[in-house]
Amino acid sequence: MAPSGYSYYPLGERRMCHLDLVPFATSEKWAYLPPANRRALVDQGREAMAELIRDSPLEFLILNGRSVVTEFETFAGVRLDAHLRDDWSLPRRDGSQVEGMLYTGQIDRLGSIEFERSVQVIGYNHNLQSSFGVTSTAMRAIGEYVGDQIASATNSKACRPTPV
């Protein structure tokens, strides 16, 4: 994200924040929850997330990992555009690769809650927080791409977005 000039740390005016699709703590890891429980938690958190986005200056959502992308698509009732990114692919021990995928789109509402602006959505299939098997090269390439997209949108506008 460095090219965008944004940071999670209070080093200037260009700040980001981290949001989860579900604003509830669980005793089990998300992946181990039964699908019905995950769906109920996502459904319960949708309105709070929509109101938070509506009431903030946020202009970008960054989705970290394929499961987050999938949940968001269901959550928002949208299908994001998928693009293969060879420079984001990860090597496997057997010589094959986990393809790198970019997901893009825009939303102007979540459920019945409308925003007064469009919010750009950028996602990728690798979970950079877990970093298991994610190479530093792929992390850097993803960060540079996302940062460049935010920087270019920010430089073409007078406002300053707050990406998530």
N, C-alpha and C. Protein backbone atom coordinates (compact mmCIF):
# COMPACT_ATOMS: atom_id res chain seq x y z
N MET A 1 0.81 -1.20 0.00
CA MET A 1 0.00 0.00 0.00
C MET A 1 0.86 1.26 0.00
N ALA A 2 2.14 1.11 0.14
CA ALA A 2 3.04 2.26 0.23
C ALA A 2 2.85 3.28 -0.89
N PRO A 3 2.64 2.86 -2.15
CA PRO A 3 2.49 3.87 -3.20
C PRO A 3 1.30 4.82 -2.98
N SER A 4 0.32 4.39 -2.21
CA SER A 4 -0.85 5.24 -1.99
C SER A 4 -0.58 6.31 -0.95
N GLY A 5 0.44 6.11 -0.11
CA GLY A 5 0.71 7.04 0.97
C GLY A 5 -0.17 6.81 2.19
N TYR A 6 -0.99 5.76 2.17
CA TYR A 6 -1.86 5.45 3.30
C TYR A 6 -1.21 4.46 4.24
N SER A 7 -1.60 4.52 5.51
CA SER A 7 -1.01 3.64 6.51
C SER A 7 -2.04 3.35 7.60
N TYR A 8 -1.87 2.22 8.28
CA TYR A 8 -2.67 1.91 9.47
C TYR A 8 -2.17 2.70 10.67
N TYR A 9 -0.99 3.27 10.54
CA TYR A 9 -0.35 3.97 11.64
C TYR A 9 -0.56 5.47 11.48
N PRO A 10 -0.73 6.20 12.58
CA PRO A 10 -1.05 7.63 12.51
C PRO A 10 0.17 8.49 12.14
N LEU A 11 0.65 8.32 10.90
CA LEU A 11 1.83 9.05 10.46
C LEU A 11 1.47 10.26 9.60
N GLY A 12 0.22 10.54 9.44
CA GLY A 12 -0.20 11.65 8.60
C GLY A 12 -1.70 11.63 8.45
N GLU A 13 -2.18 12.36 7.45
CA GLU A 13 -3.61 12.45 7.23
C GLU A 13 -4.17 11.27 6.45
N ARG A 14 -3.35 10.54 5.76
CA ARG A 14 -3.82 9.44 4.92
C ARG A 14 -3.83 8.15 5.72
N ARG A 15 -4.92 7.92 6.42
CA ARG A 15 -5.02 6.76 7.29
C ARG A 15 -6.02 5.73 6.78
N MET A 16 -5.75 4.49 7.11
CA MET A 16 -6.64 3.38 6.78
C MET A 16 -7.15 2.79 8.09
N CYS A 17 -8.19 2.00 7.97
CA CYS A 17 -8.65 1.25 9.13
C CYS A 17 -9.00 -0.16 8.68
N HIS A 18 -8.99 -1.09 9.62
CA HIS A 18 -9.33 -2.48 9.33
C HIS A 18 -10.74 -2.74 9.84
N LEU A 19 -11.58 -3.31 8.98
CA LEU A 19 -12.92 -3.71 9.36
C LEU A 19 -13.10 -5.17 9.02
N ASP A 20 -13.84 -5.87 9.84
CA ASP A 20 -14.23 -7.24 9.51
C ASP A 20 -15.67 -7.22 9.01
N LEU A 21 -16.00 -8.16 8.11
CA LEU A 21 -17.38 -8.24 7.64
C LEU A 21 -18.33 -8.54 8.78
N VAL A 22 -17.84 -9.23 9.78
CA VAL A 22 -18.65 -9.60 10.94
C VAL A 22 -18.07 -8.91 12.17
N PRO A 23 -18.84 -8.03 12.81
CA PRO A 23 -18.32 -7.30 13.96
C PRO A 23 -18.46 -8.05 15.29
N PHE A 24 -18.39 -9.38 15.24
CA PHE A 24 -18.56 -10.19 16.44
C PHE A 24 -17.36 -11.12 16.60
N ALA A 25 -16.91 -11.28 17.82
CA ALA A 25 -15.85 -12.24 18.11
C ALA A 25 -16.46 -13.63 18.20
N THR A 26 -15.70 -14.62 17.77
CA THR A 26 -16.15 -16.01 17.88
C THR A 26 -15.09 -16.81 18.62
N SER A 27 -15.51 -17.85 19.33
CA SER A 27 -14.54 -18.66 20.06
C SER A 27 -13.81 -19.62 19.12
N GLU A 28 -14.40 -19.92 17.99
CA GLU A 28 -13.79 -20.79 16.98
C GLU A 28 -13.26 -19.95 15.83
N LYS A 29 -12.24 -20.45 15.14
CA LYS A 29 -11.80 -19.79 13.92
C LYS A 29 -12.94 -19.80 12.92
N TRP A 30 -13.02 -18.75 12.12
CA TRP A 30 -14.08 -18.60 11.13
C TRP A 30 -14.22 -19.84 10.26
N ALA A 31 -13.11 -20.36 9.78
CA ALA A 31 -13.13 -21.51 8.87
C ALA A 31 -13.75 -22.75 9.51
N TYR A 32 -13.72 -22.83 10.83
CA TYR A 32 -14.25 -24.01 11.52
C TYR A 32 -15.70 -23.87 11.96
N LEU A 33 -16.28 -22.68 11.77
CA LEU A 33 -17.69 -22.51 12.12
C LEU A 33 -18.57 -23.19 11.08
N PRO A 34 -19.66 -23.78 11.50
CA PRO A 34 -20.59 -24.36 10.52
C PRO A 34 -21.11 -23.26 9.59
N PRO A 35 -21.32 -23.59 8.32
CA PRO A 35 -21.80 -22.59 7.35
C PRO A 35 -23.04 -21.83 7.81
N ALA A 36 -23.97 -22.49 8.46
CA ALA A 36 -25.19 -21.81 8.92
C ALA A 36 -24.86 -20.75 9.96
N ASN A 37 -23.90 -21.03 10.82
CA ASN A 37 -23.49 -20.04 11.83
C ASN A 37 -22.79 -18.85 11.18
N ARG A 38 -21.92 -19.14 10.20
CA ARG A 38 -21.23 -18.05 9.49
C ARG A 38 -22.26 -17.16 8.80
N ARG A 39 -23.23 -17.78 8.12
CA ARG A 39 -24.25 -17.02 7.40
C ARG A 39 -25.04 -16.15 8.37
N ALA A 40 -25.42 -16.69 9.52
CA ALA A 40 -26.19 -15.93 10.51
C ALA A 40 -25.38 -14.72 11.01
N LEU A 41 -24.10 -14.92 11.26
CA LEU A 41 -23.25 -13.82 11.74
C LEU A 41 -23.09 -12.74 10.66
N VAL A 42 -22.90 -13.15 9.42
CA VAL A 42 -22.78 -12.19 8.31
C VAL A 42 -24.08 -11.41 8.18
N ASP A 43 -25.20 -12.11 8.23
CA ASP A 43 -26.50 -11.44 8.10
C ASP A 43 -26.72 -10.44 9.22
N GLN A 44 -26.33 -10.82 10.44
CA GLN A 44 -26.51 -9.93 11.59
C GLN A 44 -25.61 -8.71 11.51
N GLY A 45 -24.44 -8.83 10.88
CA GLY A 45 -23.50 -7.72 10.80
C GLY A 45 -23.69 -6.80 9.61
N ARG A 46 -24.52 -7.20 8.64
CA ARG A 46 -24.67 -6.44 7.40
C ARG A 46 -25.11 -5.00 7.63
N GLU A 47 -26.12 -4.80 8.43
CA GLU A 47 -26.64 -3.45 8.63
C GLU A 47 -25.61 -2.54 9.30
N ALA A 48 -24.91 -3.07 10.31
CA ALA A 48 -23.89 -2.27 11.00
C ALA A 48 -22.79 -1.87 10.03
N MET A 49 -22.34 -2.78 9.18
CA MET A 49 -21.31 -2.48 8.19
C MET A 49 -21.80 -1.43 7.20
N ALA A 50 -23.03 -1.59 6.72
CA ALA A 50 -23.60 -0.64 5.76
C ALA A 50 -23.70 0.76 6.35
N GLU A 51 -24.13 0.85 7.59
CA GLU A 51 -24.25 2.16 8.24
C GLU A 51 -22.88 2.79 8.46
N LEU A 52 -21.91 1.98 8.82
CA LEU A 52 -20.55 2.47 9.01
C LEU A 52 -19.99 3.05 7.71
N ILE A 53 -20.18 2.33 6.62
CA ILE A 53 -19.71 2.82 5.32
C ILE A 53 -20.47 4.08 4.91
N ARG A 54 -21.77 4.04 5.06
CA ARG A 54 -22.60 5.21 4.69
C ARG A 54 -22.17 6.47 5.45
N ASP A 55 -21.88 6.32 6.73
CA ASP A 55 -21.62 7.47 7.59
C ASP A 55 -20.15 7.87 7.65
N SER A 56 -19.31 7.25 6.85
CA SER A 56 -17.88 7.56 6.86
C SER A 56 -17.48 8.16 5.50
N PRO A 57 -16.26 8.70 5.41
CA PRO A 57 -15.77 9.20 4.12
C PRO A 57 -15.13 8.10 3.27
N LEU A 58 -15.25 6.87 3.69
CA LEU A 58 -14.62 5.74 3.02
C LEU A 58 -14.97 5.68 1.53
N GLU A 59 -13.96 5.47 0.70
CA GLU A 59 -14.19 5.35 -0.74
C GLU A 59 -13.63 4.06 -1.32
N PHE A 60 -12.87 3.30 -0.53
CA PHE A 60 -12.30 2.04 -1.00
C PHE A 60 -12.53 0.96 0.04
N LEU A 61 -12.84 -0.23 -0.43
CA LEU A 61 -12.84 -1.42 0.42
C LEU A 61 -11.80 -2.36 -0.17
N ILE A 62 -10.90 -2.85 0.66
CA ILE A 62 -9.89 -3.80 0.23
C ILE A 62 -10.23 -5.13 0.89
N LEU A 63 -10.46 -6.14 0.06
CA LEU A 63 -10.88 -7.46 0.55
C LEU A 63 -9.69 -8.40 0.53
N ASN A 64 -9.33 -8.93 1.69
CA ASN A 64 -8.15 -9.75 1.88
C ASN A 64 -8.50 -11.23 1.92
N GLY A 65 -8.32 -11.93 0.81
CA GLY A 65 -8.51 -13.38 0.77
C GLY A 65 -9.79 -13.79 0.07
N ARG A 66 -9.75 -14.96 -0.54
CA ARG A 66 -10.88 -15.45 -1.33
C ARG A 66 -12.14 -15.64 -0.50
N SER A 67 -12.01 -16.13 0.73
CA SER A 67 -13.23 -16.34 1.53
C SER A 67 -13.88 -15.00 1.87
N VAL A 68 -13.09 -13.95 2.09
CA VAL A 68 -13.65 -12.62 2.35
C VAL A 68 -14.33 -12.10 1.08
N VAL A 69 -13.70 -12.31 -0.08
CA VAL A 69 -14.31 -11.89 -1.35
C VAL A 69 -15.66 -12.59 -1.53
N THR A 70 -15.68 -13.90 -1.32
CA THR A 70 -16.92 -14.68 -1.48
C THR A 70 -18.00 -14.20 -0.52
N GLU A 71 -17.63 -14.03 0.76
CA GLU A 71 -18.60 -13.55 1.75
C GLU A 71 -19.11 -12.16 1.38
N PHE A 72 -18.20 -11.29 0.93
CA PHE A 72 -18.61 -9.94 0.57
C PHE A 72 -19.57 -9.95 -0.61
N GLU A 73 -19.29 -10.76 -1.62
CA GLU A 73 -20.18 -10.83 -2.78
C GLU A 73 -21.59 -11.24 -2.35
N THR A 74 -21.68 -12.22 -1.46
CA THR A 74 -22.98 -12.65 -0.94
C THR A 74 -23.60 -11.54 -0.11
N PHE A 75 -22.80 -11.00 0.78
CA PHE A 75 -23.20 -9.93 1.70
C PHE A 75 -23.75 -8.73 0.95
N ALA A 76 -23.05 -8.31 -0.12
CA ALA A 76 -23.44 -7.11 -0.86
C ALA A 76 -24.38 -7.39 -2.02
N GLY A 77 -24.58 -8.67 -2.36
CA GLY A 77 -25.42 -9.01 -3.49
C GLY A 77 -24.82 -8.57 -4.81
N VAL A 78 -23.50 -8.67 -4.94
CA VAL A 78 -22.80 -8.28 -6.16
C VAL A 78 -21.89 -9.41 -6.63
N ARG A 79 -21.51 -9.35 -7.87
CA ARG A 79 -20.49 -10.24 -8.43
C ARG A 79 -19.35 -9.34 -8.86
N LEU A 80 -18.20 -9.49 -8.22
CA LEU A 80 -17.03 -8.70 -8.58
C LEU A 80 -16.39 -9.27 -9.84
N ASP A 81 -15.75 -8.41 -10.62
CA ASP A 81 -15.02 -8.86 -11.80
C ASP A 81 -13.74 -9.54 -11.36
N ALA A 82 -13.45 -10.70 -11.92
CA ALA A 82 -12.24 -11.46 -11.58
C ALA A 82 -11.23 -11.36 -12.70
N HIS A 83 -9.97 -11.12 -12.31
CA HIS A 83 -8.88 -10.98 -13.28
C HIS A 83 -7.69 -11.80 -12.80
N LEU A 84 -7.15 -12.65 -13.66
CA LEU A 84 -5.97 -13.43 -13.34
C LEU A 84 -4.75 -12.50 -13.29
N ARG A 85 -3.93 -12.65 -12.26
CA ARG A 85 -2.70 -11.88 -12.13
C ARG A 85 -1.53 -12.85 -11.96
N ASP A 86 -0.80 -13.09 -13.02
CA ASP A 86 0.32 -14.04 -12.98
C ASP A 86 1.36 -13.65 -11.94
N ASP A 87 1.59 -12.34 -11.77
CA ASP A 87 2.61 -11.90 -10.82
C ASP A 87 2.19 -12.10 -9.37
N TRP A 88 0.96 -12.51 -9.13
CA TRP A 88 0.48 -12.80 -7.79
C TRP A 88 0.43 -14.29 -7.50
N SER A 89 0.77 -15.12 -8.45
CA SER A 89 0.68 -16.58 -8.28
C SER A 89 1.71 -17.06 -7.26
N LEU A 90 1.35 -18.13 -6.57
CA LEU A 90 2.21 -18.69 -5.51
C LEU A 90 2.67 -20.09 -5.90
N PRO A 91 3.95 -20.39 -5.71
CA PRO A 91 4.45 -21.72 -6.05
C PRO A 91 4.03 -22.75 -4.99
N ARG A 92 3.74 -23.95 -5.46
CA ARG A 92 3.47 -25.08 -4.56
C ARG A 92 4.67 -26.01 -4.60
N ARG A 93 4.79 -26.84 -3.62
CA ARG A 93 5.92 -27.78 -3.56
C ARG A 93 5.96 -28.73 -4.74
N ASP A 94 4.79 -29.09 -5.28
CA ASP A 94 4.75 -30.04 -6.39
C ASP A 94 5.03 -29.38 -7.74
N GLY A 95 5.39 -28.10 -7.73
CA GLY A 95 5.71 -27.40 -8.97
C GLY A 95 4.54 -26.66 -9.59
N SER A 96 3.33 -26.95 -9.14
CA SER A 96 2.17 -26.22 -9.66
C SER A 96 2.09 -24.86 -8.97
N GLN A 97 1.07 -24.09 -9.30
CA GLN A 97 0.91 -22.77 -8.70
C GLN A 97 -0.51 -22.54 -8.23
N VAL A 98 -0.65 -21.72 -7.20
CA VAL A 98 -1.95 -21.19 -6.80
C VAL A 98 -2.07 -19.87 -7.55
N GLU A 99 -3.03 -19.79 -8.46
CA GLU A 99 -3.18 -18.58 -9.27
C GLU A 99 -3.48 -17.37 -8.40
N GLY A 100 -2.97 -16.23 -8.82
CA GLY A 100 -3.29 -14.98 -8.16
C GLY A 100 -4.47 -14.34 -8.85
N MET A 101 -5.47 -13.95 -8.08
CA MET A 101 -6.67 -13.36 -8.64
C MET A 101 -6.93 -11.98 -8.03
N LEU A 102 -7.33 -11.07 -8.90
CA LEU A 102 -7.75 -9.73 -8.52
C LEU A 102 -9.26 -9.65 -8.71
N TYR A 103 -9.94 -9.03 -7.77
CA TYR A 103 -11.39 -8.82 -7.87
C TYR A 103 -11.66 -7.33 -7.75
N THR A 104 -12.48 -6.80 -8.66
CA THR A 104 -12.78 -5.37 -8.65
C THR A 104 -14.27 -5.13 -8.86
N GLY A 105 -14.73 -4.00 -8.38
CA GLY A 105 -16.12 -3.61 -8.58
C GLY A 105 -16.41 -2.32 -7.83
N GLN A 106 -17.67 -1.95 -7.82
CA GLN A 106 -18.13 -0.76 -7.10
C GLN A 106 -19.47 -1.08 -6.46
N ILE A 107 -19.71 -0.46 -5.33
CA ILE A 107 -21.02 -0.58 -4.69
C ILE A 107 -21.50 0.82 -4.32
N ASP A 108 -22.80 0.99 -4.29
CA ASP A 108 -23.36 2.25 -3.83
C ASP A 108 -24.47 2.00 -2.80
N ARG A 109 -24.53 0.75 -2.36
CA ARG A 109 -25.50 0.37 -1.33
C ARG A 109 -25.12 -0.99 -0.77
N LEU A 110 -25.59 -1.27 0.42
CA LEU A 110 -25.55 -2.61 1.02
C LEU A 110 -26.94 -2.86 1.56
N GLY A 111 -27.60 -3.88 1.03
CA GLY A 111 -28.97 -4.15 1.44
C GLY A 111 -29.84 -2.94 1.13
N SER A 112 -30.59 -2.50 2.12
CA SER A 112 -31.49 -1.36 1.91
C SER A 112 -30.82 -0.02 2.20
N ILE A 113 -29.56 -0.05 2.60
CA ILE A 113 -28.86 1.18 2.96
C ILE A 113 -28.07 1.70 1.77
N GLU A 114 -28.46 2.89 1.31
CA GLU A 114 -27.81 3.51 0.16
C GLU A 114 -26.72 4.47 0.63
N PHE A 115 -25.66 4.56 -0.16
CA PHE A 115 -24.58 5.51 0.09
C PHE A 115 -24.79 6.69 -0.85
N GLU A 116 -24.23 7.82 -0.51
CA GLU A 116 -24.33 8.99 -1.38
C GLU A 116 -23.18 9.04 -2.37
N ARG A 117 -22.46 7.95 -2.49
CA ARG A 117 -21.31 7.86 -3.38
C ARG A 117 -21.08 6.41 -3.73
N SER A 118 -20.24 6.18 -4.72
CA SER A 118 -19.81 4.83 -5.03
C SER A 118 -18.55 4.51 -4.23
N VAL A 119 -18.45 3.29 -3.79
CA VAL A 119 -17.28 2.81 -3.07
C VAL A 119 -16.60 1.78 -3.97
N GLN A 120 -15.32 1.99 -4.24
CA GLN A 120 -14.57 1.06 -5.07
C GLN A 120 -14.14 -0.14 -4.23
N VAL A 121 -14.25 -1.32 -4.81
CA VAL A 121 -13.89 -2.56 -4.14
C VAL A 121 -12.72 -3.19 -4.89
N ILE A 122 -11.67 -3.52 -4.15
CA ILE A 122 -10.51 -4.21 -4.69
C ILE A 122 -10.23 -5.39 -3.77
N GLY A 123 -10.14 -6.57 -4.34
CA GLY A 123 -9.86 -7.75 -3.53
C GLY A 123 -8.84 -8.64 -4.20
N TYR A 124 -8.35 -9.59 -3.45
CA TYR A 124 -7.39 -10.57 -3.97
C TYR A 124 -7.63 -11.88 -3.24
N ASN A 125 -7.24 -12.98 -3.89
CA ASN A 125 -7.58 -14.29 -3.34
C ASN A 125 -6.64 -14.78 -2.24
N HIS A 126 -5.46 -14.25 -2.14
CA HIS A 126 -4.53 -14.71 -1.10
C HIS A 126 -4.80 -13.97 0.21
N ASN A 127 -4.81 -14.71 1.32
CA ASN A 127 -5.01 -14.10 2.63
C ASN A 127 -3.65 -13.63 3.13
N LEU A 128 -3.39 -12.35 3.03
CA LEU A 128 -2.08 -11.82 3.41
C LEU A 128 -1.88 -11.78 4.91
N GLN A 129 -2.96 -11.81 5.68
CA GLN A 129 -2.82 -11.80 7.12
C GLN A 129 -2.27 -13.12 7.64
N SER A 130 -2.67 -14.22 7.04
CA SER A 130 -2.16 -15.51 7.51
C SER A 130 -0.75 -15.72 7.01
N SER A 131 -0.47 -15.23 5.82
CA SER A 131 0.82 -15.29 5.15
C SER A 131 1.37 -16.70 4.96
N PHE A 132 0.62 -17.74 5.34
CA PHE A 132 1.08 -19.11 5.13
C PHE A 132 1.20 -19.38 3.64
N GLY A 133 2.42 -19.61 3.18
CA GLY A 133 2.64 -19.90 1.77
C GLY A 133 2.63 -18.69 0.86
N VAL A 134 2.38 -17.50 1.41
CA VAL A 134 2.35 -16.29 0.59
C VAL A 134 3.77 -15.72 0.56
N THR A 135 4.31 -15.59 -0.63
CA THR A 135 5.68 -15.10 -0.77
C THR A 135 5.75 -13.59 -0.59
N SER A 136 6.91 -13.11 -0.20
CA SER A 136 7.09 -11.66 -0.05
C SER A 136 6.96 -10.97 -1.41
N THR A 137 7.32 -11.68 -2.48
CA THR A 137 7.18 -11.11 -3.82
C THR A 137 5.71 -10.88 -4.15
N ALA A 138 4.85 -11.86 -3.86
CA ALA A 138 3.42 -11.71 -4.11
C ALA A 138 2.82 -10.62 -3.22
N MET A 139 3.21 -10.60 -1.94
CA MET A 139 2.70 -9.56 -1.04
C MET A 139 3.05 -8.18 -1.55
N ARG A 140 4.29 -8.01 -1.97
CA ARG A 140 4.74 -6.72 -2.48
C ARG A 140 3.97 -6.34 -3.75
N ALA A 141 3.80 -7.30 -4.66
CA ALA A 141 3.08 -7.03 -5.92
C ALA A 141 1.63 -6.63 -5.65
N ILE A 142 0.97 -7.33 -4.73
CA ILE A 142 -0.42 -7.00 -4.38
C ILE A 142 -0.48 -5.62 -3.74
N GLY A 143 0.41 -5.37 -2.78
CA GLY A 143 0.43 -4.08 -2.10
C GLY A 143 0.70 -2.92 -3.05
N GLU A 144 1.63 -3.14 -3.99
CA GLU A 144 1.93 -2.09 -4.96
C GLU A 144 0.74 -1.84 -5.89
N TYR A 145 0.09 -2.91 -6.33
CA TYR A 145 -1.07 -2.74 -7.22
C TYR A 145 -2.17 -1.96 -6.50
N VAL A 146 -2.53 -2.41 -5.31
CA VAL A 146 -3.61 -1.75 -4.56
C VAL A 146 -3.22 -0.31 -4.26
N GLY A 147 -1.99 -0.11 -3.80
CA GLY A 147 -1.53 1.24 -3.50
C GLY A 147 -1.57 2.15 -4.72
N ASP A 148 -1.14 1.62 -5.87
CA ASP A 148 -1.17 2.41 -7.11
C ASP A 148 -2.60 2.78 -7.50
N GLN A 149 -3.54 1.84 -7.33
CA GLN A 149 -4.94 2.13 -7.68
C GLN A 149 -5.50 3.24 -6.80
N ILE A 150 -5.21 3.17 -5.52
CA ILE A 150 -5.70 4.19 -4.59
C ILE A 150 -5.03 5.52 -4.88
N ALA A 151 -3.71 5.50 -5.09
CA ALA A 151 -2.98 6.74 -5.37
C ALA A 151 -3.50 7.40 -6.63
N SER A 152 -3.73 6.61 -7.67
CA SER A 152 -4.18 7.20 -8.93
C SER A 152 -5.59 7.76 -8.80
N ALA A 153 -6.47 7.09 -8.06
CA ALA A 153 -7.82 7.62 -7.85
C ALA A 153 -7.78 8.86 -6.96
N THR A 154 -6.92 8.83 -5.96
CA THR A 154 -6.81 9.96 -5.03
C THR A 154 -6.23 11.17 -5.73
N ASN A 155 -5.23 10.96 -6.58
CA ASN A 155 -4.59 12.08 -7.29
C ASN A 155 -5.51 12.70 -8.32
N SER A 156 -6.52 11.95 -8.75
CA SER A 156 -7.44 12.51 -9.76
C SER A 156 -8.65 13.19 -9.11
N LYS A 157 -8.70 13.19 -7.78
CA LYS A 157 -9.81 13.83 -7.06
C LYS A 157 -9.28 14.81 -6.04
N ALA A 158 -10.12 15.69 -5.61
CA ALA A 158 -9.72 16.64 -4.57
C ALA A 158 -9.90 16.04 -3.18
N CYS A 159 -10.71 14.99 -3.04
CA CYS A 159 -10.98 14.41 -1.72
C CYS A 159 -9.94 13.37 -1.37
N ARG A 160 -9.89 12.99 -0.12
CA ARG A 160 -8.96 11.98 0.35
C ARG A 160 -9.73 10.79 0.87
N PRO A 161 -9.70 9.66 0.19
CA PRO A 161 -10.45 8.48 0.66
C PRO A 161 -9.76 7.80 1.83
N THR A 162 -10.52 7.02 2.55
CA THR A 162 -9.99 6.22 3.63
C THR A 162 -10.22 4.76 3.28
N PRO A 163 -9.20 4.07 2.73
CA PRO A 163 -9.39 2.67 2.35
C PRO A 163 -9.47 1.75 3.55
N VAL A 164 -10.11 0.63 3.36
CA VAL A 164 -10.22 -0.39 4.41
C VAL A 164 -9.50 -1.63 3.97
